[in-house]
Each structure stands twice: as C-alpha cells, then as structure tokens.
N, C-alpha and C. Protein backbone atom coordinates (compact mmCIF):
# COMPACT_ATOMS: atom_id res chain seq x y z
N MET A 1 5.39 -7.64 12.09
CA MET A 1 4.61 -8.76 11.60
C MET A 1 3.27 -8.84 12.33
N LYS A 2 3.28 -8.66 13.65
CA LYS A 2 2.05 -8.72 14.43
C LYS A 2 1.09 -7.62 14.01
N LYS A 3 1.62 -6.42 13.71
CA LYS A 3 0.78 -5.31 13.28
C LYS A 3 0.11 -5.62 11.95
N LEU A 4 0.85 -6.25 11.03
CA LEU A 4 0.29 -6.60 9.74
C LEU A 4 -0.80 -7.66 9.89
N LEU A 5 -0.59 -8.64 10.77
CA LEU A 5 -1.61 -9.66 11.02
C LEU A 5 -2.87 -9.02 11.60
N LEU A 6 -2.68 -8.08 12.53
CA LEU A 6 -3.82 -7.39 13.12
C LEU A 6 -4.56 -6.57 12.08
N THR A 7 -3.81 -5.91 11.19
CA THR A 7 -4.45 -5.13 10.13
C THR A 7 -5.26 -6.00 9.20
N LEU A 8 -4.71 -7.16 8.84
CA LEU A 8 -5.45 -8.10 7.99
C LEU A 8 -6.72 -8.57 8.68
N ALA A 9 -6.64 -8.86 9.97
CA ALA A 9 -7.80 -9.33 10.72
C ALA A 9 -8.88 -8.23 10.79
N LEU A 10 -8.46 -7.00 11.08
CA LEU A 10 -9.42 -5.90 11.16
C LEU A 10 -10.03 -5.61 9.80
N SER A 11 -9.22 -5.74 8.73
CA SER A 11 -9.72 -5.51 7.39
C SER A 11 -10.78 -6.54 7.03
N THR A 12 -10.54 -7.78 7.39
CA THR A 12 -11.51 -8.84 7.11
C THR A 12 -12.80 -8.59 7.88
N ALA A 13 -12.67 -8.17 9.15
CA ALA A 13 -13.87 -7.88 9.94
C ALA A 13 -14.65 -6.72 9.35
N ALA A 14 -13.95 -5.77 8.75
CA ALA A 14 -14.61 -4.60 8.17
C ALA A 14 -15.46 -4.97 6.96
N LEU A 15 -15.19 -6.11 6.35
CA LEU A 15 -15.97 -6.53 5.19
C LEU A 15 -17.45 -6.65 5.54
N PHE A 16 -17.74 -7.05 6.77
CA PHE A 16 -19.11 -7.31 7.15
C PHE A 16 -19.90 -6.02 7.40
N THR A 17 -19.24 -4.87 7.39
CA THR A 17 -19.94 -3.60 7.55
C THR A 17 -20.46 -3.07 6.22
N PHE A 18 -20.09 -3.71 5.12
CA PHE A 18 -20.53 -3.28 3.81
C PHE A 18 -21.78 -4.07 3.41
N ALA A 19 -22.89 -3.35 3.25
CA ALA A 19 -24.18 -4.00 3.10
C ALA A 19 -24.43 -4.55 1.71
N GLN A 20 -23.83 -3.97 0.67
CA GLN A 20 -24.11 -4.39 -0.68
C GLN A 20 -23.57 -5.78 -0.97
N ILE A 21 -24.23 -6.46 -1.91
CA ILE A 21 -23.75 -7.76 -2.36
C ILE A 21 -22.43 -7.57 -3.09
N PRO A 22 -21.39 -8.32 -2.76
CA PRO A 22 -20.08 -8.08 -3.38
C PRO A 22 -20.05 -8.48 -4.85
N THR A 23 -19.23 -7.77 -5.61
CA THR A 23 -18.93 -8.13 -6.98
C THR A 23 -17.73 -9.07 -6.96
N ILE A 24 -17.78 -10.13 -7.74
CA ILE A 24 -16.68 -11.09 -7.82
C ILE A 24 -15.91 -10.85 -9.11
N GLY A 25 -14.59 -10.89 -9.03
CA GLY A 25 -13.78 -10.65 -10.21
C GLY A 25 -12.66 -11.67 -10.35
N ILE A 26 -12.16 -11.79 -11.58
CA ILE A 26 -10.97 -12.58 -11.87
C ILE A 26 -9.95 -11.66 -12.51
N ARG A 27 -8.68 -11.95 -12.26
CA ARG A 27 -7.63 -11.07 -12.79
C ARG A 27 -6.35 -11.88 -12.98
N GLY A 28 -5.62 -11.60 -14.04
CA GLY A 28 -4.35 -12.27 -14.27
C GLY A 28 -3.47 -11.45 -15.20
N GLY A 29 -2.16 -11.68 -15.11
CA GLY A 29 -1.27 -10.92 -15.96
C GLY A 29 0.19 -11.23 -15.72
N VAL A 30 1.03 -10.26 -16.00
CA VAL A 30 2.48 -10.42 -15.98
C VAL A 30 3.07 -9.73 -14.75
N ASN A 31 3.99 -10.41 -14.08
CA ASN A 31 4.77 -9.83 -12.99
C ASN A 31 6.19 -9.54 -13.45
N PHE A 32 6.71 -8.39 -13.04
CA PHE A 32 8.12 -8.08 -13.21
C PHE A 32 8.70 -8.03 -11.79
N ALA A 33 9.27 -9.17 -11.40
CA ALA A 33 9.68 -9.37 -10.00
C ALA A 33 11.16 -9.07 -9.82
N ASP A 34 11.50 -8.63 -8.62
CA ASP A 34 12.88 -8.35 -8.26
C ASP A 34 13.03 -8.62 -6.77
N VAL A 35 14.25 -8.72 -6.32
CA VAL A 35 14.55 -8.89 -4.91
C VAL A 35 15.54 -7.81 -4.50
N SER A 36 15.23 -7.11 -3.43
CA SER A 36 16.13 -6.11 -2.87
C SER A 36 17.01 -6.78 -1.82
N ALA A 37 18.33 -6.72 -2.04
CA ALA A 37 19.28 -7.29 -1.09
C ALA A 37 19.95 -6.15 -0.33
N SER A 38 19.97 -6.23 0.99
CA SER A 38 20.55 -5.16 1.79
C SER A 38 21.41 -5.73 2.91
N SER A 39 22.42 -4.97 3.25
CA SER A 39 23.28 -5.28 4.38
C SER A 39 23.69 -3.96 5.00
N GLY A 40 23.27 -3.71 6.23
CA GLY A 40 23.51 -2.42 6.84
C GLY A 40 22.70 -1.36 6.12
N SER A 41 23.35 -0.27 5.69
CA SER A 41 22.66 0.82 4.99
C SER A 41 22.72 0.66 3.48
N ALA A 42 23.43 -0.35 2.98
CA ALA A 42 23.59 -0.55 1.54
C ALA A 42 22.54 -1.53 1.04
N SER A 43 21.97 -1.25 -0.14
CA SER A 43 21.00 -2.15 -0.75
C SER A 43 21.16 -2.12 -2.26
N VAL A 44 20.76 -3.22 -2.90
CA VAL A 44 20.88 -3.34 -4.35
C VAL A 44 19.77 -4.23 -4.87
N SER A 45 19.29 -3.95 -6.08
CA SER A 45 18.31 -4.81 -6.73
C SER A 45 19.05 -5.90 -7.49
N LEU A 46 18.57 -7.13 -7.38
CA LEU A 46 19.30 -8.25 -7.95
C LEU A 46 19.00 -8.49 -9.42
N GLY A 47 17.90 -8.01 -9.94
CA GLY A 47 17.59 -8.20 -11.35
C GLY A 47 16.17 -8.67 -11.55
N THR A 48 15.57 -8.28 -12.68
CA THR A 48 14.15 -8.52 -12.92
C THR A 48 13.88 -9.90 -13.51
N LEU A 49 12.91 -10.57 -12.94
CA LEU A 49 12.42 -11.86 -13.43
C LEU A 49 10.99 -11.68 -13.92
N THR A 50 10.73 -12.06 -15.17
CA THR A 50 9.37 -11.97 -15.71
C THR A 50 8.62 -13.24 -15.37
N THR A 51 7.48 -13.08 -14.69
CA THR A 51 6.68 -14.23 -14.27
C THR A 51 5.20 -13.85 -14.40
N PHE A 52 4.32 -14.37 -13.58
CA PHE A 52 2.90 -14.16 -13.81
C PHE A 52 2.13 -14.11 -12.50
N ASN A 53 0.85 -13.70 -12.60
CA ASN A 53 -0.07 -13.73 -11.47
C ASN A 53 -1.47 -14.05 -11.98
N ALA A 54 -2.27 -14.70 -11.16
CA ALA A 54 -3.65 -15.01 -11.51
C ALA A 54 -4.44 -15.27 -10.23
N GLY A 55 -5.70 -14.82 -10.21
CA GLY A 55 -6.48 -15.06 -9.02
C GLY A 55 -7.87 -14.48 -9.09
N VAL A 56 -8.53 -14.47 -7.94
CA VAL A 56 -9.90 -13.97 -7.81
C VAL A 56 -9.94 -12.93 -6.69
N PHE A 57 -10.95 -12.06 -6.78
CA PHE A 57 -11.12 -11.05 -5.73
C PHE A 57 -12.60 -10.71 -5.60
N ALA A 58 -12.94 -10.12 -4.47
CA ALA A 58 -14.29 -9.61 -4.24
C ALA A 58 -14.21 -8.10 -4.06
N ASP A 59 -15.24 -7.41 -4.51
CA ASP A 59 -15.29 -5.95 -4.35
C ASP A 59 -16.55 -5.60 -3.59
N LEU A 60 -16.38 -5.11 -2.34
CA LEU A 60 -17.52 -4.76 -1.48
C LEU A 60 -17.58 -3.24 -1.38
N LYS A 61 -18.59 -2.67 -2.05
CA LYS A 61 -18.65 -1.23 -2.24
C LYS A 61 -19.57 -0.56 -1.24
N ALA A 62 -19.17 0.67 -0.86
CA ALA A 62 -20.01 1.57 -0.08
C ALA A 62 -19.77 2.96 -0.65
N GLY A 63 -20.59 3.37 -1.62
CA GLY A 63 -20.37 4.63 -2.31
C GLY A 63 -19.16 4.53 -3.24
N ALA A 64 -18.26 5.48 -3.10
CA ALA A 64 -17.07 5.51 -3.95
C ALA A 64 -15.93 4.68 -3.40
N ILE A 65 -16.11 4.11 -2.21
CA ILE A 65 -15.05 3.34 -1.55
C ILE A 65 -15.44 1.87 -1.49
N SER A 66 -14.46 1.01 -1.67
CA SER A 66 -14.72 -0.42 -1.54
C SER A 66 -13.54 -1.11 -0.86
N ILE A 67 -13.81 -2.30 -0.36
CA ILE A 67 -12.77 -3.17 0.16
C ILE A 67 -12.65 -4.36 -0.78
N GLN A 68 -11.42 -4.67 -1.17
CA GLN A 68 -11.17 -5.76 -2.11
C GLN A 68 -10.24 -6.81 -1.50
N PRO A 69 -10.79 -7.86 -0.90
CA PRO A 69 -9.96 -9.00 -0.51
C PRO A 69 -9.76 -9.90 -1.73
N GLY A 70 -8.64 -10.60 -1.78
CA GLY A 70 -8.38 -11.46 -2.93
C GLY A 70 -7.56 -12.68 -2.56
N LEU A 71 -7.44 -13.57 -3.53
CA LEU A 71 -6.63 -14.77 -3.39
C LEU A 71 -5.92 -14.99 -4.73
N PHE A 72 -4.58 -14.90 -4.72
CA PHE A 72 -3.82 -14.93 -5.97
C PHE A 72 -2.66 -15.92 -5.89
N TYR A 73 -2.43 -16.56 -7.03
CA TYR A 73 -1.23 -17.36 -7.25
C TYR A 73 -0.26 -16.45 -7.98
N THR A 74 0.89 -16.16 -7.37
CA THR A 74 1.77 -15.13 -7.92
C THR A 74 3.22 -15.55 -7.88
N GLY A 75 3.96 -15.16 -8.90
CA GLY A 75 5.38 -15.48 -9.00
C GLY A 75 6.25 -14.31 -8.56
N LYS A 76 7.33 -14.64 -7.84
CA LYS A 76 8.28 -13.64 -7.37
C LYS A 76 9.69 -14.19 -7.55
N GLY A 77 10.70 -13.36 -7.24
CA GLY A 77 12.08 -13.80 -7.36
C GLY A 77 12.94 -12.79 -8.08
N PHE A 78 14.00 -13.28 -8.71
CA PHE A 78 14.90 -12.39 -9.45
C PHE A 78 15.66 -13.18 -10.49
N LYS A 79 16.26 -12.45 -11.46
CA LYS A 79 17.17 -13.05 -12.43
C LYS A 79 18.34 -12.09 -12.63
N LEU A 80 19.53 -12.57 -12.36
CA LEU A 80 20.75 -11.77 -12.45
C LEU A 80 21.63 -12.35 -13.55
N SER A 81 21.97 -11.53 -14.55
CA SER A 81 22.78 -11.99 -15.68
C SER A 81 24.08 -11.24 -15.76
N ASP A 82 25.13 -11.91 -16.31
CA ASP A 82 26.39 -11.24 -16.60
C ASP A 82 26.18 -10.18 -17.67
N SER A 83 27.10 -9.24 -17.75
CA SER A 83 26.99 -8.16 -18.74
C SER A 83 26.96 -8.70 -20.16
N ASP A 84 27.66 -9.81 -20.42
CA ASP A 84 27.66 -10.42 -21.76
C ASP A 84 26.65 -11.56 -21.88
N GLU A 85 25.83 -11.74 -20.81
CA GLU A 85 24.78 -12.75 -20.76
C GLU A 85 25.30 -14.18 -20.94
N SER A 86 26.57 -14.40 -20.62
CA SER A 86 27.13 -15.76 -20.70
C SER A 86 26.77 -16.60 -19.49
N GLY A 87 26.37 -15.96 -18.42
CA GLY A 87 25.99 -16.66 -17.20
C GLY A 87 24.85 -15.94 -16.50
N SER A 88 24.09 -16.67 -15.71
CA SER A 88 22.97 -16.06 -14.99
C SER A 88 22.65 -16.87 -13.75
N ALA A 89 21.98 -16.21 -12.81
CA ALA A 89 21.47 -16.86 -11.60
C ALA A 89 20.02 -16.43 -11.43
N GLN A 90 19.16 -17.38 -11.12
CA GLN A 90 17.73 -17.10 -11.08
C GLN A 90 17.09 -17.78 -9.87
N LEU A 91 16.23 -17.03 -9.20
CA LEU A 91 15.41 -17.56 -8.11
C LEU A 91 13.96 -17.35 -8.48
N SER A 92 13.21 -18.43 -8.64
CA SER A 92 11.78 -18.37 -8.96
C SER A 92 10.98 -18.90 -7.78
N LEU A 93 10.09 -18.08 -7.27
CA LEU A 93 9.26 -18.45 -6.12
C LEU A 93 7.80 -18.34 -6.49
N ARG A 94 6.99 -19.26 -5.98
CA ARG A 94 5.54 -19.25 -6.20
C ARG A 94 4.85 -19.11 -4.85
N TYR A 95 3.94 -18.13 -4.78
CA TYR A 95 3.24 -17.85 -3.53
C TYR A 95 1.73 -17.88 -3.74
N LEU A 96 1.02 -18.19 -2.67
CA LEU A 96 -0.41 -17.95 -2.56
C LEU A 96 -0.55 -16.67 -1.74
N GLN A 97 -1.08 -15.62 -2.35
CA GLN A 97 -1.07 -14.30 -1.72
C GLN A 97 -2.49 -13.82 -1.45
N VAL A 98 -2.68 -13.26 -0.25
CA VAL A 98 -3.99 -12.76 0.18
C VAL A 98 -3.87 -11.26 0.46
N PRO A 99 -4.26 -10.40 -0.50
CA PRO A 99 -4.27 -8.96 -0.25
C PRO A 99 -5.64 -8.50 0.24
N VAL A 100 -5.67 -7.41 0.98
CA VAL A 100 -6.93 -6.75 1.36
C VAL A 100 -6.71 -5.26 1.10
N ASN A 101 -7.27 -4.79 -0.02
CA ASN A 101 -7.05 -3.41 -0.44
C ASN A 101 -8.26 -2.52 -0.17
N PHE A 102 -8.00 -1.29 0.22
CA PHE A 102 -9.02 -0.26 0.36
C PHE A 102 -8.94 0.60 -0.91
N VAL A 103 -10.04 0.66 -1.66
CA VAL A 103 -10.02 1.21 -3.01
C VAL A 103 -10.98 2.39 -3.14
N TYR A 104 -10.53 3.42 -3.86
CA TYR A 104 -11.36 4.59 -4.15
C TYR A 104 -11.66 4.61 -5.65
N HIS A 105 -12.93 4.80 -6.00
CA HIS A 105 -13.37 4.76 -7.39
C HIS A 105 -13.79 6.17 -7.84
N VAL A 106 -13.30 6.57 -9.02
CA VAL A 106 -13.65 7.87 -9.60
C VAL A 106 -14.46 7.60 -10.87
N PRO A 107 -15.76 7.91 -10.88
CA PRO A 107 -16.58 7.64 -12.06
C PRO A 107 -16.14 8.48 -13.27
N VAL A 108 -16.13 7.85 -14.44
CA VAL A 108 -15.95 8.54 -15.72
C VAL A 108 -17.06 8.06 -16.64
N VAL A 109 -17.11 8.59 -17.86
CA VAL A 109 -18.25 8.33 -18.75
C VAL A 109 -18.47 6.85 -19.01
N VAL A 110 -17.39 6.10 -19.26
CA VAL A 110 -17.55 4.69 -19.68
C VAL A 110 -17.23 3.70 -18.56
N GLY A 111 -16.97 4.18 -17.37
CA GLY A 111 -16.62 3.26 -16.28
C GLY A 111 -16.11 4.01 -15.07
N ASN A 112 -14.98 3.55 -14.52
CA ASN A 112 -14.38 4.25 -13.40
C ASN A 112 -12.87 4.00 -13.34
N ILE A 113 -12.19 4.99 -12.84
CA ILE A 113 -10.76 4.88 -12.54
C ILE A 113 -10.67 4.55 -11.05
N TYR A 114 -9.78 3.63 -10.70
CA TYR A 114 -9.67 3.25 -9.29
C TYR A 114 -8.21 3.23 -8.85
N PHE A 115 -8.01 3.45 -7.57
CA PHE A 115 -6.69 3.32 -6.97
C PHE A 115 -6.86 3.01 -5.49
N GLY A 116 -5.90 2.29 -4.93
CA GLY A 116 -6.01 1.91 -3.53
C GLY A 116 -4.75 1.24 -3.03
N ALA A 117 -4.82 0.79 -1.79
CA ALA A 117 -3.67 0.15 -1.15
C ALA A 117 -4.15 -0.66 0.04
N GLY A 118 -3.28 -1.56 0.48
CA GLY A 118 -3.61 -2.36 1.66
C GLY A 118 -2.53 -3.39 1.94
N PRO A 119 -2.67 -4.14 3.02
CA PRO A 119 -1.68 -5.15 3.39
C PRO A 119 -1.90 -6.46 2.65
N PHE A 120 -0.86 -7.29 2.62
CA PHE A 120 -1.02 -8.64 2.09
C PHE A 120 -0.20 -9.61 2.93
N ALA A 121 -0.65 -10.86 2.90
CA ALA A 121 0.11 -11.98 3.45
C ALA A 121 0.32 -12.98 2.33
N ALA A 122 1.52 -13.53 2.21
CA ALA A 122 1.83 -14.49 1.16
C ALA A 122 2.45 -15.73 1.77
N PHE A 123 2.13 -16.89 1.20
CA PHE A 123 2.58 -18.17 1.73
C PHE A 123 3.28 -18.95 0.62
N GLY A 124 4.55 -19.28 0.83
CA GLY A 124 5.35 -19.95 -0.17
C GLY A 124 4.84 -21.35 -0.49
N LEU A 125 4.69 -21.63 -1.79
CA LEU A 125 4.22 -22.94 -2.25
C LEU A 125 5.34 -23.77 -2.86
N SER A 126 6.15 -23.15 -3.71
CA SER A 126 7.22 -23.88 -4.39
C SER A 126 8.23 -22.88 -4.92
N GLY A 127 9.35 -23.39 -5.38
CA GLY A 127 10.37 -22.51 -5.96
C GLY A 127 11.53 -23.30 -6.52
N LYS A 128 12.31 -22.62 -7.37
CA LYS A 128 13.49 -23.23 -7.97
C LYS A 128 14.60 -22.20 -8.07
N THR A 129 15.83 -22.68 -7.96
CA THR A 129 16.99 -21.87 -8.29
C THR A 129 17.60 -22.44 -9.57
N LYS A 130 18.15 -21.56 -10.38
CA LYS A 130 18.77 -22.00 -11.63
C LYS A 130 20.03 -21.17 -11.87
N ALA A 131 21.14 -21.84 -12.11
CA ALA A 131 22.41 -21.18 -12.41
C ALA A 131 22.90 -21.67 -13.76
N THR A 132 23.31 -20.73 -14.62
CA THR A 132 23.79 -21.07 -15.95
C THR A 132 25.17 -20.45 -16.17
N SER A 133 26.08 -21.25 -16.70
CA SER A 133 27.43 -20.77 -16.99
C SER A 133 28.03 -21.62 -18.10
N GLY A 134 28.51 -20.95 -19.14
CA GLY A 134 29.15 -21.66 -20.23
C GLY A 134 28.28 -22.69 -20.90
N GLY A 135 26.99 -22.43 -20.99
CA GLY A 135 26.06 -23.36 -21.62
C GLY A 135 25.58 -24.47 -20.74
N THR A 136 26.05 -24.53 -19.50
CA THR A 136 25.63 -25.57 -18.55
C THR A 136 24.68 -24.97 -17.51
N SER A 137 23.57 -25.65 -17.27
CA SER A 137 22.58 -25.17 -16.31
C SER A 137 22.40 -26.16 -15.17
N ILE A 138 22.25 -25.63 -13.98
CA ILE A 138 21.98 -26.45 -12.79
C ILE A 138 20.72 -25.91 -12.12
N GLU A 139 19.75 -26.79 -11.90
CA GLU A 139 18.50 -26.41 -11.24
C GLU A 139 18.34 -27.15 -9.92
N GLN A 140 17.71 -26.48 -8.97
CA GLN A 140 17.49 -27.09 -7.66
C GLN A 140 16.20 -26.56 -7.09
N ASP A 141 15.42 -27.42 -6.44
CA ASP A 141 14.19 -27.00 -5.79
C ASP A 141 14.50 -26.16 -4.56
N VAL A 142 13.67 -25.16 -4.34
CA VAL A 142 13.76 -24.34 -3.14
C VAL A 142 13.00 -25.03 -2.01
N THR A 143 13.57 -25.01 -0.82
CA THR A 143 12.87 -25.53 0.35
C THR A 143 12.52 -24.37 1.28
N PHE A 144 11.32 -24.45 1.84
CA PHE A 144 10.86 -23.44 2.78
C PHE A 144 11.02 -23.98 4.20
N GLY A 145 11.57 -23.16 5.08
CA GLY A 145 11.77 -23.60 6.46
C GLY A 145 12.70 -22.68 7.20
N ASP A 146 13.36 -23.22 8.22
CA ASP A 146 14.21 -22.43 9.10
C ASP A 146 15.70 -22.70 8.91
N GLY A 147 16.05 -23.57 7.97
CA GLY A 147 17.46 -23.87 7.74
C GLY A 147 18.19 -22.74 7.04
N GLU A 148 19.51 -22.77 7.10
CA GLU A 148 20.32 -21.71 6.52
C GLU A 148 20.10 -21.54 5.02
N GLU A 149 19.83 -22.63 4.31
CA GLU A 149 19.63 -22.57 2.87
C GLU A 149 18.15 -22.45 2.49
N ASP A 150 17.27 -22.38 3.48
CA ASP A 150 15.84 -22.33 3.21
C ASP A 150 15.35 -20.89 3.03
N VAL A 151 14.18 -20.77 2.42
CA VAL A 151 13.47 -19.50 2.29
C VAL A 151 12.31 -19.52 3.28
N LYS A 152 12.07 -18.41 3.94
CA LYS A 152 10.93 -18.34 4.86
C LYS A 152 9.63 -18.53 4.09
N ARG A 153 8.72 -19.30 4.65
CA ARG A 153 7.48 -19.60 3.94
C ARG A 153 6.51 -18.43 3.94
N THR A 154 6.46 -17.67 5.03
CA THR A 154 5.47 -16.60 5.17
C THR A 154 6.10 -15.24 4.90
N GLU A 155 5.38 -14.43 4.13
CA GLU A 155 5.83 -13.07 3.82
C GLU A 155 4.68 -12.10 4.05
N PHE A 156 5.00 -10.91 4.55
CA PHE A 156 4.01 -9.85 4.73
C PHE A 156 4.49 -8.60 4.00
N GLY A 157 3.54 -7.80 3.54
CA GLY A 157 3.92 -6.58 2.84
C GLY A 157 2.73 -5.68 2.58
N LEU A 158 2.95 -4.69 1.72
CA LEU A 158 1.93 -3.72 1.33
C LEU A 158 1.77 -3.77 -0.18
N GLN A 159 0.53 -3.59 -0.63
CA GLN A 159 0.25 -3.57 -2.06
C GLN A 159 -0.45 -2.28 -2.44
N GLY A 160 -0.06 -1.69 -3.57
CA GLY A 160 -0.76 -0.55 -4.14
C GLY A 160 -1.33 -0.96 -5.49
N ILE A 161 -2.55 -0.53 -5.79
CA ILE A 161 -3.18 -0.88 -7.05
C ILE A 161 -3.77 0.36 -7.71
N ALA A 162 -3.92 0.31 -9.03
CA ALA A 162 -4.57 1.37 -9.79
C ALA A 162 -5.02 0.76 -11.11
N GLY A 163 -6.05 1.36 -11.72
CA GLY A 163 -6.50 0.83 -12.99
C GLY A 163 -7.74 1.51 -13.50
N PHE A 164 -8.28 0.91 -14.57
CA PHE A 164 -9.48 1.44 -15.22
C PHE A 164 -10.43 0.28 -15.46
N GLN A 165 -11.72 0.51 -15.13
CA GLN A 165 -12.73 -0.53 -15.30
C GLN A 165 -13.90 0.00 -16.11
N LEU A 166 -14.26 -0.75 -17.16
CA LEU A 166 -15.42 -0.40 -17.97
C LEU A 166 -16.71 -0.79 -17.26
N LYS A 167 -17.81 -0.16 -17.66
CA LYS A 167 -19.11 -0.47 -17.05
C LYS A 167 -19.51 -1.92 -17.28
N GLY A 168 -19.05 -2.52 -18.38
CA GLY A 168 -19.36 -3.91 -18.65
C GLY A 168 -18.63 -4.90 -17.78
N GLY A 169 -17.59 -4.45 -17.06
CA GLY A 169 -16.85 -5.31 -16.14
C GLY A 169 -15.40 -5.53 -16.50
N PHE A 170 -15.00 -5.30 -17.76
CA PHE A 170 -13.61 -5.50 -18.15
C PHE A 170 -12.72 -4.46 -17.47
N LEU A 171 -11.55 -4.89 -17.00
CA LEU A 171 -10.64 -3.96 -16.33
C LEU A 171 -9.19 -4.21 -16.72
N VAL A 172 -8.42 -3.15 -16.63
CA VAL A 172 -6.97 -3.20 -16.81
C VAL A 172 -6.35 -2.59 -15.56
N GLY A 173 -5.41 -3.30 -14.93
CA GLY A 173 -4.88 -2.83 -13.66
C GLY A 173 -3.38 -2.93 -13.54
N LEU A 174 -2.85 -2.15 -12.61
CA LEU A 174 -1.45 -2.19 -12.23
C LEU A 174 -1.36 -2.48 -10.73
N ASN A 175 -0.31 -3.14 -10.32
CA ASN A 175 -0.09 -3.31 -8.88
C ASN A 175 1.40 -3.28 -8.57
N TYR A 176 1.71 -2.85 -7.37
CA TYR A 176 3.08 -2.89 -6.88
C TYR A 176 3.07 -3.51 -5.49
N ASP A 177 3.81 -4.60 -5.34
CA ASP A 177 3.89 -5.32 -4.06
C ASP A 177 5.23 -5.03 -3.41
N LEU A 178 5.17 -4.47 -2.22
CA LEU A 178 6.37 -4.13 -1.46
C LEU A 178 6.50 -5.09 -0.29
N GLY A 179 7.40 -6.07 -0.40
CA GLY A 179 7.63 -7.00 0.69
C GLY A 179 8.31 -6.31 1.86
N LEU A 180 7.78 -6.50 3.05
CA LEU A 180 8.34 -5.85 4.24
C LEU A 180 9.15 -6.80 5.11
N THR A 181 8.99 -8.10 4.90
CA THR A 181 9.68 -9.07 5.73
C THR A 181 10.83 -9.71 4.97
N ASN A 182 11.87 -10.06 5.70
CA ASN A 182 13.06 -10.70 5.15
C ASN A 182 12.72 -12.15 4.79
N ILE A 183 12.88 -12.52 3.51
CA ILE A 183 12.56 -13.90 3.12
C ILE A 183 13.72 -14.85 3.41
N ALA A 184 14.90 -14.29 3.72
CA ALA A 184 16.03 -15.12 4.15
C ALA A 184 15.96 -15.32 5.65
N ASN A 185 16.51 -16.41 6.14
CA ASN A 185 16.48 -16.66 7.57
C ASN A 185 17.43 -15.73 8.31
N THR A 186 17.11 -15.44 9.56
CA THR A 186 17.84 -14.42 10.31
C THR A 186 19.30 -14.79 10.56
N ASN A 187 19.64 -16.08 10.46
CA ASN A 187 21.03 -16.47 10.69
C ASN A 187 21.89 -16.29 9.43
N GLN A 188 21.25 -15.84 8.35
CA GLN A 188 22.00 -15.50 7.15
C GLN A 188 22.37 -14.02 7.18
N GLU A 189 23.48 -13.68 6.53
CA GLU A 189 23.89 -12.28 6.48
C GLU A 189 22.99 -11.51 5.52
N GLY A 190 22.66 -10.28 5.89
CA GLY A 190 21.85 -9.43 5.02
C GLY A 190 20.39 -9.80 5.02
N LYS A 191 19.62 -9.01 4.24
CA LYS A 191 18.18 -9.21 4.14
C LYS A 191 17.78 -9.25 2.67
N LEU A 192 16.79 -10.08 2.37
CA LEU A 192 16.24 -10.19 1.03
C LEU A 192 14.74 -9.92 1.11
N LYS A 193 14.27 -8.96 0.30
CA LYS A 193 12.85 -8.61 0.32
C LYS A 193 12.32 -8.55 -1.11
N ASN A 194 11.14 -9.13 -1.30
CA ASN A 194 10.53 -9.17 -2.63
C ASN A 194 9.98 -7.82 -3.04
N ARG A 195 10.10 -7.55 -4.34
CA ARG A 195 9.50 -6.38 -4.97
C ARG A 195 8.85 -6.86 -6.26
N VAL A 196 7.60 -6.48 -6.51
CA VAL A 196 6.90 -6.95 -7.70
C VAL A 196 6.07 -5.82 -8.30
N PHE A 197 6.26 -5.59 -9.62
CA PHE A 197 5.39 -4.70 -10.38
C PHE A 197 4.58 -5.57 -11.33
N GLY A 198 3.27 -5.43 -11.30
CA GLY A 198 2.41 -6.29 -12.11
C GLY A 198 1.49 -5.51 -13.02
N VAL A 199 1.20 -6.08 -14.18
CA VAL A 199 0.22 -5.55 -15.14
C VAL A 199 -0.78 -6.66 -15.41
N SER A 200 -2.06 -6.37 -15.29
CA SER A 200 -3.05 -7.44 -15.40
C SER A 200 -4.31 -6.96 -16.12
N VAL A 201 -5.09 -7.92 -16.59
CA VAL A 201 -6.43 -7.67 -17.12
C VAL A 201 -7.39 -8.58 -16.36
N GLY A 202 -8.67 -8.19 -16.34
CA GLY A 202 -9.61 -9.01 -15.60
C GLY A 202 -11.05 -8.67 -15.97
N PHE A 203 -11.96 -9.27 -15.22
CA PHE A 203 -13.39 -9.07 -15.46
C PHE A 203 -14.13 -9.26 -14.15
N THR A 204 -15.13 -8.43 -13.92
CA THR A 204 -15.98 -8.55 -12.74
C THR A 204 -17.38 -8.98 -13.15
N PHE A 205 -18.03 -9.74 -12.26
CA PHE A 205 -19.35 -10.30 -12.56
C PHE A 205 -20.39 -9.74 -11.59
C-alpha cells in the first residue's frame, strides 16, 4: 500500500515536468465488475455485475508519451445467481477513483491508437447488498469501516487502458482495473479483490 501511495505521489509530481498545456477530456461507459474471492491458494470469481463509470481526465503530452491523471465515479461489485436463476446475491459498490496512467500514442491517418497503464486509488462512497430468493428480495446498505461486516473504504490497484482517438477528439476506450488490496477486513476469512473490465466513449477538448 505504501509503495502504491508513493507511486501516485511521484506520478503527480511528474505532471509538472510536462510543458505543454494539458488536454481535458470526459469519458463514461459500462463496467463489467467482478470480485475475486480467495482463501489460501484457491480463488474463484463470484460473478459479473453490469454497472457504469463516468469522469474527467487530463492528458499531458510530451511527444508520443503522456500522463493521464483522472477522477472517476465508478461502480464495482459482483452478482452471483443460481443455475436456474431462482435466487441471486449482489454487492454493488460506488467509488471515487483516481488513476494516473502513463500512455503511449501511435499516430494513424485519422487519429491515434493509445495504450498505457498506471496505479489508482479508490475511495468508497456508497454501496448496497441485495439477496433474492423465491421472489423475495432483501436490500441493505453497505457500511465502510473496520467492523467485521464492513467493507474497507480505501482500495489500491493497477489500471490498464487502450483505445482509439480521432483527431477531432472523439475516443473509444477499454480499461481493466486490477484491485490489489483486500476490500474485506483482515479479521474476516479469505480475501476479496475487485476486478473491473470497462468499455467507454469520450471526448477531449
């Protein structure tokens, strides 16, 4: 965790070495979220939850390389259903996420192809659990904290991005967020880590 915080701090400091005026962008789209549950050497994916992401970012370029810090409202969690879909369990989490990606741009005739990666920090804002069985549903708010039933508020991880951007500013992108920290408290058995694949569209100004 300390290494990730240091990386984020150094990445932010590196922004000031880029002399060009930054490009500002907006981006939003669909998340396909999952949670990896592990105990010892065994791990399993709990099931995909379709949610969303939206936010803003800056692009500070130096030649073909740029640094992209951002601020995003993003959904994570999982949805696990019975084989006959008669029952399900769902965890929906909402985070404010701050990624700092190092991006490489490859020029093409009508724009550029880009790909990159970097660390992120995410801060839990809200969440709900929902259980359905036999037509009956029970919902409960998620609490963030240190209690046995709470979810940790802070998460750290790595993000990879790729996409295509037109010269006019329109872009289509993909991202994969790999949570590295356990979102369950340490006094609980096993570990839970977020996994998110996202598809988005956006525009830069």
